[in-house]
């Protein structure tokens, strides 16, 4: 056995000290952060179809009844009254209110809709579920843009009114679905952390490589 090979074999058996400890501590952090990214993004993309059902009645422009087809812990009955989040239609006893209701009737009645329900308060003072309403595509999946909340505003039958007692921000669902907005923010944050960890791990691996070479030469 040559001296060089013996030194190499012995170097593999020696502890790397602080460098080795840092590497061993960083590896699981990188792995867990990668798993966290997948879990978080999966949760974000699920927001637009927390529950869904068929619209059975249009109370006014911003309030509908939905016969629920997908269970959710916030659902209390087979038919739930839904108040569209952060939009306000004219009162039903006005001409504008009747026009808003007719618009909702024409677009939604008898159609399947997907609901992103409020996680902060859940229901308003009238016991209506609060949420963002998404239309159903031909493939039976949510149409993320535009949501019906925005359609109501774009058609002139409602105004944006950002209530602070629910989880929603109109800016999120105006140009994209909540899942897109949240996903982008979370992906950027987690990827930034992962990038820093990878750089640190690479530095420590380089130090470990130099340490092994020095041990072999020694």
Protein backbone atom coordinates (compact mmCIF):
# COMPACT_ATOMS: atom_id res chain seq x y z
CA UNK A 1 0.00 0.00 0.00
CA UNK A 2 1.50 3.32 -1.03
CA UNK A 3 1.90 6.14 1.44
CA UNK A 4 -0.35 8.41 -0.63
CA UNK A 5 -3.18 5.87 -0.72
CA UNK A 6 -2.82 5.21 3.03
CA UNK A 7 -3.04 8.93 3.71
CA UNK A 8 -6.12 9.19 1.49
CA UNK A 9 -7.82 6.27 3.28
CA UNK A 10 -7.02 7.69 6.69
CA UNK A 11 -8.32 11.15 5.66
CA UNK A 12 -11.72 9.68 4.86
CA UNK A 13 -11.91 8.23 8.35
CA UNK A 14 -10.91 11.41 10.16
CA UNK A 15 -13.58 13.87 11.30
CA UNK A 16 -13.63 17.17 9.39
CA UNK A 17 -14.19 19.22 12.51
CA UNK A 18 -16.25 22.40 12.25
CA UNK A 19 -16.47 22.15 8.47
CA UNK A 20 -18.05 18.70 8.63
CA UNK A 21 -20.48 19.80 11.31
CA UNK A 22 -21.59 22.76 9.21
CA UNK A 23 -22.15 20.57 6.15
CA UNK A 24 -24.13 18.01 8.11
CA UNK A 25 -26.29 20.77 9.60
CA UNK A 26 -26.90 22.51 6.27
CA UNK A 27 -27.94 19.48 4.20
CA UNK A 28 -31.18 18.75 6.07
CA UNK A 29 -32.04 22.47 6.06
CA UNK A 30 -31.76 22.60 2.26
CA UNK A 31 -33.82 19.43 1.90
CA UNK A 32 -36.52 20.65 4.27
CA UNK A 33 -36.67 24.04 2.56
CA UNK A 34 -37.21 22.34 -0.80
CA UNK A 35 -40.02 20.26 0.66
CA UNK A 36 -41.52 23.39 2.23
CA UNK A 37 -41.56 25.13 -1.15
CA UNK A 38 -43.52 22.28 -2.71
CA UNK A 39 -46.02 22.12 0.14
CA UNK A 40 -46.59 25.88 0.22
CA UNK A 41 -47.07 26.18 -3.53
CA UNK A 42 -49.41 23.22 -3.54
CA UNK A 43 -51.54 24.90 -0.87
CA UNK A 44 -51.52 28.19 -2.74
CA UNK A 45 -52.75 26.72 -6.00
CA UNK A 46 -55.67 25.02 -4.23
CA UNK A 47 -57.36 28.28 -3.22
CA UNK A 48 -59.63 28.73 -6.23
CA UNK A 49 -61.50 25.46 -5.71
CA UNK A 50 -61.83 25.13 -1.95
CA UNK A 51 -65.44 24.25 -2.70
CA UNK A 52 -67.79 24.43 -5.65
CA UNK A 53 -71.43 24.02 -6.57
CA UNK A 54 -74.34 25.07 -8.77
CA UNK A 55 -75.83 28.56 -8.50
CA UNK A 56 -79.53 28.16 -7.67
CA UNK A 57 -80.52 31.76 -7.00
CA UNK A 58 -79.26 35.32 -7.45
CA UNK A 59 -80.37 37.46 -4.52
CA UNK A 60 -78.77 40.62 -5.87
CA UNK A 61 -75.65 41.53 -7.77
CA UNK A 62 -73.20 40.52 -5.05
CA UNK A 63 -75.12 37.71 -3.28
CA UNK A 64 -75.93 34.26 -4.66
CA UNK A 65 -77.14 30.87 -3.42
CA UNK A 66 -75.00 27.86 -4.26
CA UNK A 67 -75.93 24.19 -3.98
CA UNK A 68 -72.67 22.78 -2.63
CA UNK A 69 -71.08 19.81 -4.43
CA UNK A 70 -67.71 19.68 -2.65
CA UNK A 71 -67.49 19.47 1.12
CA UNK A 72 -65.56 22.00 3.19
CA UNK A 73 -65.34 22.46 6.97
CA UNK A 74 -66.96 25.90 6.62
CA UNK A 75 -70.05 24.53 4.88
CA UNK A 76 -73.09 24.15 7.14
CA UNK A 77 -75.84 23.21 4.69
CA UNK A 78 -76.49 21.83 1.24
CA UNK A 79 -77.29 25.29 -0.11
CA UNK A 80 -75.16 28.18 1.12
CA UNK A 81 -75.63 31.91 0.59
CA UNK A 82 -72.44 33.48 -0.74
CA UNK A 83 -71.52 37.16 -0.41
CA UNK A 84 -68.93 38.21 -2.97
CA UNK A 85 -65.85 39.55 -1.20
CA UNK A 86 -64.85 43.19 -1.46
CA UNK A 87 -67.45 44.32 -4.01
CA UNK A 88 -70.64 46.25 -3.43
CA UNK A 89 -73.62 46.31 -5.80
CA UNK A 90 -76.47 48.85 -5.60
CA UNK A 91 -79.41 47.97 -3.36
CA UNK A 92 -82.04 45.72 -4.92
CA UNK A 93 -84.78 48.36 -4.48
CA UNK A 94 -83.09 50.58 -7.07
CA UNK A 95 -83.01 50.30 -10.85
CA UNK A 96 -79.25 49.82 -10.75
CA UNK A 97 -79.65 47.06 -8.17
CA UNK A 98 -82.14 45.21 -10.36
CA UNK A 99 -79.75 45.49 -13.30
CA UNK A 100 -76.90 44.09 -11.19
CA UNK A 101 -79.06 41.14 -10.12
CA UNK A 102 -80.07 40.50 -13.73
CA UNK A 103 -76.42 40.47 -14.77
CA UNK A 104 -75.58 37.92 -12.07
CA UNK A 105 -78.63 35.89 -13.11
CA UNK A 106 -77.61 35.85 -16.77
CA UNK A 107 -74.01 34.84 -16.05
CA UNK A 108 -74.35 32.48 -13.08
CA UNK A 109 -77.76 30.89 -12.67
CA UNK A 110 -77.63 27.14 -13.19
CA UNK A 111 -73.85 27.24 -13.68
CA UNK A 112 -71.14 25.60 -11.62
CA UNK A 113 -68.91 28.05 -9.78
CA UNK A 114 -65.74 27.57 -7.77
CA UNK A 115 -65.33 29.37 -4.46
CA UNK A 116 -62.31 30.68 -2.59
CA UNK A 117 -63.77 31.13 0.89
CA UNK A 118 -62.59 33.58 3.52
CA UNK A 119 -60.26 32.02 6.10
CA UNK A 120 -60.20 35.02 8.43
CA UNK A 121 -63.79 35.50 9.55
CA UNK A 122 -65.59 33.12 7.24
CA UNK A 123 -69.09 34.61 7.38
CA UNK A 124 -70.45 38.11 7.50
CA UNK A 125 -72.95 39.52 9.99
CA UNK A 126 -75.81 38.00 7.99
CA UNK A 127 -74.29 34.50 8.22
CA UNK A 128 -73.35 34.52 4.53
CA UNK A 129 -70.11 32.86 3.46
CA UNK A 130 -67.70 35.43 2.06
CA UNK A 131 -65.58 34.56 -0.94
CA UNK A 132 -64.28 35.08 -4.44
CA UNK A 133 -66.31 33.39 -7.17
CA UNK A 134 -64.71 31.76 -10.23
CA UNK A 135 -66.49 30.55 -13.34
CA UNK A 136 -66.19 26.97 -14.58
CA UNK A 137 -64.26 26.11 -17.74
CA UNK A 138 -65.19 23.48 -20.33
CA UNK A 139 -62.69 21.15 -18.63
CA UNK A 140 -64.56 21.58 -15.33
CA UNK A 141 -61.78 23.60 -13.69
CA UNK A 142 -61.79 27.18 -12.33
CA UNK A 143 -61.25 30.05 -14.76
CA UNK A 144 -58.79 32.16 -12.74
CA UNK A 145 -59.07 35.43 -14.65
CA UNK A 146 -61.35 37.25 -14.50
CA UNK A 147 -63.19 36.09 -11.41
CA UNK A 148 -66.88 37.01 -11.19
CA UNK A 149 -66.11 39.61 -8.51
CA UNK A 150 -64.13 41.54 -11.12
CA UNK A 151 -66.67 40.86 -13.88
CA UNK A 152 -69.32 42.51 -11.73
CA UNK A 153 -67.15 45.60 -11.34
CA UNK A 154 -66.04 45.70 -14.99
CA UNK A 155 -69.67 45.55 -16.13
CA UNK A 156 -70.51 48.61 -14.01
CA UNK A 157 -72.76 46.66 -11.64
CA UNK A 158 -70.56 46.95 -8.54
CA UNK A 159 -67.74 48.95 -7.00
CA UNK A 160 -64.65 47.64 -5.24
CA UNK A 161 -64.92 47.99 -1.46
CA UNK A 162 -61.96 46.51 0.38
CA UNK A 163 -63.41 45.16 3.62
CA UNK A 164 -60.70 44.64 6.22
CA UNK A 165 -62.49 41.85 8.09
CA UNK A 166 -61.70 39.20 5.48
CA UNK A 167 -58.51 37.70 4.10
CA UNK A 168 -58.86 39.07 0.60
CA UNK A 169 -57.10 41.95 -1.09
CA UNK A 170 -58.83 43.12 -4.29
CA UNK A 171 -55.44 43.65 -5.91
CA UNK A 172 -54.86 39.91 -5.69
CA UNK A 173 -57.96 38.80 -7.55
CA UNK A 174 -58.17 41.79 -9.92
CA UNK A 175 -55.43 40.74 -12.33
CA UNK A 176 -54.88 37.17 -11.19
CA UNK A 177 -56.26 34.53 -8.93
CA UNK A 178 -55.23 34.65 -5.21
CA UNK A 179 -53.25 31.49 -5.74
CA UNK A 180 -51.11 33.20 -8.43
CA UNK A 181 -50.40 36.18 -6.21
CA UNK A 182 -49.62 34.16 -3.10
CA UNK A 183 -47.65 31.61 -5.06
CA UNK A 184 -45.44 34.27 -6.60
CA UNK A 185 -44.67 35.88 -3.25
CA UNK A 186 -43.99 32.59 -1.47
CA UNK A 187 -41.95 31.16 -4.32
CA UNK A 188 -39.74 34.23 -4.37
CA UNK A 189 -39.19 34.15 -0.61
CA UNK A 190 -38.47 30.42 -0.33
CA UNK A 191 -36.29 30.38 -3.44
CA UNK A 192 -34.28 33.26 -2.00
CA UNK A 193 -33.65 31.28 1.17
CA UNK A 194 -32.76 28.17 -0.83
CA UNK A 195 -30.31 30.15 -2.94
CA UNK A 196 -28.50 31.48 0.11
CA UNK A 197 -28.36 28.01 1.66
CA UNK A 198 -26.97 26.49 -1.53
CA UNK A 199 -24.25 29.13 -1.72
CA UNK A 200 -23.32 28.51 1.90
CA UNK A 201 -23.31 24.76 1.35
CA UNK A 202 -21.10 25.14 -1.71
CA UNK A 203 -18.61 27.21 0.30
CA UNK A 204 -18.50 24.62 3.07
CA UNK A 205 -18.07 21.78 0.57
CA UNK A 206 -15.17 23.64 -1.01
CA UNK A 207 -13.57 24.06 2.42
CA UNK A 208 -14.12 20.35 3.12
CA UNK A 209 -12.48 19.45 -0.19
CA UNK A 210 -9.44 21.56 0.61
CA UNK A 211 -9.29 20.03 4.09
CA UNK A 212 -9.29 16.49 2.64
CA UNK A 213 -6.55 17.41 0.17
CA UNK A 214 -4.45 18.90 2.99
CA UNK A 215 -4.96 15.74 5.08
CA UNK A 216 -3.89 13.56 2.16
CA UNK A 217 -0.81 15.63 1.58
CA UNK A 218 -0.06 15.64 5.29
